[in-house]
Amino acid sequence: MFPPVEQATPEGLLAIGGDLSSERLLEAYRRGIFPWYSSGQPILWWSPDPRAVLYLDRFKVSRSLKKRMRRNSYDVTLDTCFREVVTACAAPRQKDPVAGTWITREMAGAYHKLHVMGYAHSVETWHDGQLVGGLYGIALGRGFFGESMFSKMSDASKVALATLVDHLKKRGYLFVDCQLPSPHILSLGAVEIPRSRFLQELGDALKTPDRIGRWTHGNAEFQG
């Protein structure tokens, strides 16, 4: 069991230790908590205040991104190579060589188990048969909890996110939990909201039963 989220530090740290079992992870997300730690550290559990959330109708698609998607510069698939997406998200970034190191081998294995169970999903962006971008996260009720994304070509991760938003909107989802704010995610339409409001909206989203299972394979359709 986790302590009440109101006991988190001002930075959002709520608890230390435990394990990354599927049951514990799912319980954490349903309570507005997520793990985030680096190799060599104990497992750290967080519930920040405020929270970064992307409401699907507020997602900002630039003109250049719309043009790129309409030109079919990339192919996009769902749930075809979850493990490879997580591995790419964990790899060092050119602009920040230490970024991504929080996705430890233990963390990657835990989320792959959730993928096999039908809770965790990936969106993949391809160019000439090569994986060049993508993202992954967990779907519970009518909420999607984004974990990480990567891009090896211009707009590849944005194309994956736009496809995810379109996929979720068509299925009645309410939001993408972005956890912590960043200039990049805020530029795409995410907003910061009080943790109390997030927990209320999370509770509303979880009133809908989980839709467990792999998402449709093959090219995804984007309505720009």
Protein backbone atom coordinates (compact mmCIF):
# COMPACT_ATOMS: atom_id res chain seq x y z
CA MET A 1 0.00 0.00 0.00
CA PHE A 2 1.06 3.57 -0.66
CA PRO A 3 0.68 6.44 1.80
CA PRO A 4 -1.78 9.23 0.93
CA VAL A 5 -0.40 11.39 -1.86
CA GLU A 6 -0.81 14.46 0.34
CA GLN A 7 2.21 13.17 2.28
CA ALA A 8 4.51 13.70 -0.72
CA THR A 9 7.37 16.16 -0.39
CA PRO A 10 7.09 19.54 -2.14
CA GLU A 11 9.02 17.96 -5.03
CA GLY A 12 6.48 15.15 -5.23
CA LEU A 13 8.43 12.27 -3.68
CA LEU A 14 5.96 10.02 -1.88
CA ALA A 15 7.64 6.69 -1.06
CA ILE A 16 10.90 4.77 -1.35
CA GLY A 17 11.37 1.05 -1.93
CA GLY A 18 9.01 -1.76 -2.77
CA ASP A 19 9.10 -3.52 -6.11
CA LEU A 20 7.95 -3.11 -9.70
CA SER A 21 5.45 -5.95 -9.75
CA SER A 22 2.57 -5.53 -12.17
CA GLU A 23 0.09 -5.33 -9.29
CA ARG A 24 2.04 -2.57 -7.54
CA LEU A 25 2.52 -0.57 -10.73
CA LEU A 26 -1.17 -0.70 -11.62
CA GLU A 27 -2.14 0.27 -8.09
CA ALA A 28 0.28 3.20 -8.26
CA TYR A 29 -1.11 4.59 -11.51
CA ARG A 30 -4.66 4.26 -10.24
CA ARG A 31 -3.63 6.41 -7.26
CA GLY A 32 -1.85 9.04 -9.33
CA ILE A 33 1.63 7.73 -8.47
CA PHE A 34 4.47 6.69 -10.77
CA PRO A 35 8.04 5.34 -10.34
CA TRP A 36 11.02 7.44 -11.39
CA TYR A 37 14.57 6.75 -10.32
CA SER A 38 18.08 6.22 -11.69
CA SER A 39 20.24 3.12 -11.76
CA GLY A 40 21.79 2.48 -8.37
CA GLN A 41 18.96 4.20 -6.49
CA PRO A 42 16.10 2.49 -4.64
CA ILE A 43 12.72 2.64 -6.35
CA LEU A 44 11.29 6.13 -5.87
CA TRP A 45 7.55 6.79 -6.15
CA TRP A 46 6.23 10.23 -7.10
CA SER A 47 2.99 12.20 -7.12
CA PRO A 48 3.89 15.79 -8.07
CA ASP A 49 1.79 18.87 -7.51
CA PRO A 50 1.04 20.42 -9.96
CA ARG A 51 0.60 17.72 -12.60
CA ALA A 52 1.16 18.05 -16.35
CA VAL A 53 -1.84 16.81 -18.35
CA LEU A 54 -2.63 16.87 -22.04
CA TYR A 55 -6.36 17.08 -22.71
CA LEU A 56 -6.96 15.52 -26.09
CA ASP A 57 -8.89 18.44 -27.56
CA ARG A 58 -6.08 20.82 -26.62
CA PHE A 59 -3.33 19.00 -28.50
CA LYS A 60 -1.61 21.50 -30.78
CA VAL A 61 -0.74 20.31 -34.27
CA SER A 62 1.40 22.78 -36.16
CA ARG A 63 0.87 23.41 -39.85
CA SER A 64 4.20 21.82 -40.66
CA LEU A 65 3.28 18.68 -38.72
CA LYS A 66 -0.08 18.44 -40.48
CA LYS A 67 1.66 18.74 -43.84
CA ARG A 68 4.18 16.08 -42.91
CA MET A 69 1.47 13.65 -41.84
CA ARG A 70 -0.64 14.29 -44.92
CA ARG A 71 2.40 13.66 -47.11
CA ASN A 72 2.75 10.30 -45.36
CA SER A 73 6.43 10.98 -44.65
CA TYR A 74 6.24 8.34 -41.94
CA ASP A 75 4.38 5.11 -41.36
CA VAL A 76 2.86 4.67 -37.92
CA THR A 77 1.98 1.42 -36.16
CA LEU A 78 0.56 0.47 -32.78
CA ASP A 79 1.87 -2.21 -30.44
CA THR A 80 4.15 -3.86 -32.98
CA CYS A 81 7.52 -3.56 -31.19
CA PHE A 82 6.98 -2.40 -27.62
CA ARG A 83 10.33 -3.64 -26.31
CA GLU A 84 12.25 -1.83 -29.07
CA VAL A 85 10.44 1.44 -28.33
CA VAL A 86 11.30 1.24 -24.64
CA THR A 87 14.92 0.46 -25.49
CA ALA A 88 15.08 3.48 -27.80
CA CYS A 89 13.51 5.71 -25.14
CA ALA A 90 16.17 4.54 -22.66
CA ALA A 91 19.08 5.29 -25.00
CA PRO A 92 21.18 8.45 -24.41
CA ARG A 93 20.08 11.50 -26.39
CA GLN A 94 22.49 13.53 -28.51
CA LYS A 95 21.48 16.80 -26.84
CA ASP A 96 21.59 15.30 -23.34
CA PRO A 97 23.75 12.17 -23.00
CA VAL A 98 22.34 11.32 -19.54
CA ALA A 99 18.68 11.60 -20.53
CA GLY A 100 16.73 8.36 -20.52
CA THR A 101 18.94 6.62 -17.96
CA TRP A 102 16.00 6.40 -15.54
CA ILE A 103 14.56 3.60 -17.70
CA THR A 104 16.58 0.86 -16.05
CA ARG A 105 16.61 -2.76 -17.18
CA GLU A 106 14.31 -3.59 -14.26
CA MET A 107 11.94 -0.80 -15.28
CA ALA A 108 11.89 -1.90 -18.92
CA GLY A 109 11.13 -5.48 -17.92
CA ALA A 110 8.29 -4.43 -15.65
CA TYR A 111 6.57 -2.40 -18.37
CA HIS A 112 7.05 -5.18 -20.89
CA LYS A 113 5.10 -7.46 -18.53
CA LEU A 114 2.31 -4.87 -18.49
CA HIS A 115 2.40 -4.83 -22.28
CA VAL A 116 2.02 -8.61 -22.43
CA MET A 117 -0.92 -8.27 -20.01
CA GLY A 118 -2.55 -5.72 -22.34
CA TYR A 119 -2.14 -2.59 -20.20
CA ALA A 120 0.96 -0.95 -21.69
CA HIS A 121 1.07 0.20 -25.30
CA SER A 122 3.45 1.69 -27.81
CA VAL A 123 3.15 3.85 -30.90
CA GLU A 124 5.90 3.45 -33.49
CA THR A 125 7.01 5.82 -36.24
CA TRP A 126 8.85 4.33 -39.24
CA HIS A 127 10.81 5.71 -42.18
CA ASP A 128 11.96 3.39 -44.96
CA GLY A 129 11.42 0.41 -42.68
CA GLN A 130 13.48 1.85 -39.81
CA LEU A 131 12.10 2.71 -36.38
CA VAL A 132 12.76 6.44 -36.03
CA GLY A 133 10.38 7.56 -33.28
CA GLY A 134 7.76 6.45 -30.84
CA LEU A 135 6.32 6.50 -27.35
CA TYR A 136 4.90 4.17 -24.74
CA GLY A 137 2.62 4.31 -21.72
CA ILE A 138 -0.22 2.67 -19.84
CA ALA A 139 -3.96 2.79 -20.55
CA LEU A 140 -6.37 2.51 -17.61
CA GLY A 141 -10.05 3.34 -17.75
CA ARG A 142 -10.32 6.44 -19.94
CA GLY A 143 -6.85 7.74 -19.15
CA PHE A 144 -3.48 7.20 -20.80
CA PHE A 145 -0.33 7.58 -18.71
CA GLY A 146 2.57 8.57 -20.93
CA GLU A 147 5.99 7.35 -19.90
CA SER A 148 8.53 8.37 -22.51
CA MET A 149 9.07 9.15 -26.19
CA PHE A 150 12.02 9.32 -28.56
CA SER A 151 12.80 10.74 -31.97
CA LYS A 152 15.64 10.04 -34.41
CA MET A 153 14.21 12.16 -37.25
CA SER A 154 12.41 15.48 -37.41
CA ASP A 155 8.90 15.35 -35.89
CA ALA A 156 8.99 11.55 -35.52
CA SER A 157 7.89 11.62 -31.87
CA LYS A 158 5.29 14.32 -32.59
CA VAL A 159 3.80 12.12 -35.30
CA ALA A 160 3.57 9.28 -32.78
CA LEU A 161 1.91 11.57 -30.24
CA ALA A 162 -0.56 12.95 -32.79
CA THR A 163 -1.49 9.41 -33.74
CA LEU A 164 -1.90 8.45 -30.09
CA VAL A 165 -4.17 11.45 -29.44
CA ASP A 166 -6.31 10.58 -32.46
CA HIS A 167 -6.51 6.93 -31.40
CA LEU A 168 -7.56 7.89 -27.87
CA LYS A 169 -10.13 10.47 -28.97
CA LYS A 170 -11.88 7.93 -31.17
CA ARG A 171 -12.18 5.60 -28.19
CA GLY A 172 -13.48 8.09 -25.66
CA TYR A 173 -10.36 8.65 -23.58
CA LEU A 174 -10.10 11.89 -21.62
CA PHE A 175 -6.44 12.80 -21.23
CA VAL A 176 -2.78 11.89 -21.47
CA ASP A 177 -1.01 12.17 -18.12
CA CYS A 178 2.38 13.75 -18.86
CA GLN A 179 3.45 13.61 -15.20
CA LEU A 180 6.01 16.44 -15.09
CA PRO A 181 5.92 19.62 -17.20
CA SER A 182 8.58 20.37 -19.80
CA PRO A 183 8.80 23.16 -22.38
CA HIS A 184 8.33 20.56 -25.14
CA ILE A 185 5.14 18.99 -23.81
CA LEU A 186 3.68 22.36 -22.80
CA SER A 187 4.28 23.64 -26.35
CA LEU A 188 2.10 20.77 -27.60
CA GLY A 189 -0.86 21.83 -25.49
CA ALA A 190 -0.29 20.21 -22.10
CA VAL A 191 -1.24 22.25 -19.03
CA GLU A 192 -0.35 22.15 -15.36
CA ILE A 193 -3.21 21.43 -12.97
CA PRO A 194 -3.35 20.97 -9.17
CA ARG A 195 -2.84 17.42 -8.00
CA SER A 196 -6.24 17.47 -6.30
CA ARG A 197 -7.92 18.22 -9.62
CA PHE A 198 -5.90 15.53 -11.38
CA LEU A 199 -6.92 12.94 -8.81
CA GLN A 200 -10.57 13.88 -9.21
CA GLU A 201 -10.36 13.57 -12.99
CA LEU A 202 -8.39 10.35 -12.63
CA GLY A 203 -11.18 8.95 -10.48
CA ASP A 204 -13.72 9.86 -13.15
CA ALA A 205 -11.59 8.20 -15.84
CA LEU A 206 -11.25 5.00 -13.82
CA LYS A 207 -15.02 4.58 -13.54
CA THR A 208 -14.83 3.08 -17.02
CA PRO A 209 -13.55 -0.53 -17.06
CA ASP A 210 -10.06 -1.07 -18.41
CA ARG A 211 -9.90 -2.10 -22.05
CA ILE A 212 -7.21 -4.73 -21.88
CA GLY A 213 -5.51 -6.07 -25.00
CA ARG A 214 -3.20 -5.07 -27.79
CA TRP A 215 -4.10 -2.14 -29.94
CA THR A 216 -4.75 -2.62 -33.66
CA HIS A 217 -1.66 -3.35 -35.68
CA GLY A 218 -0.85 -1.72 -39.00
CA ASN A 219 -0.89 1.86 -40.21
CA ALA A 220 -2.90 4.20 -38.01
CA GLU A 221 -5.13 6.87 -39.52
CA PHE A 222 -4.66 10.50 -38.54
CA GLN A 223 -7.44 13.02 -38.96
CA GLY A 224 -5.72 16.38 -39.31
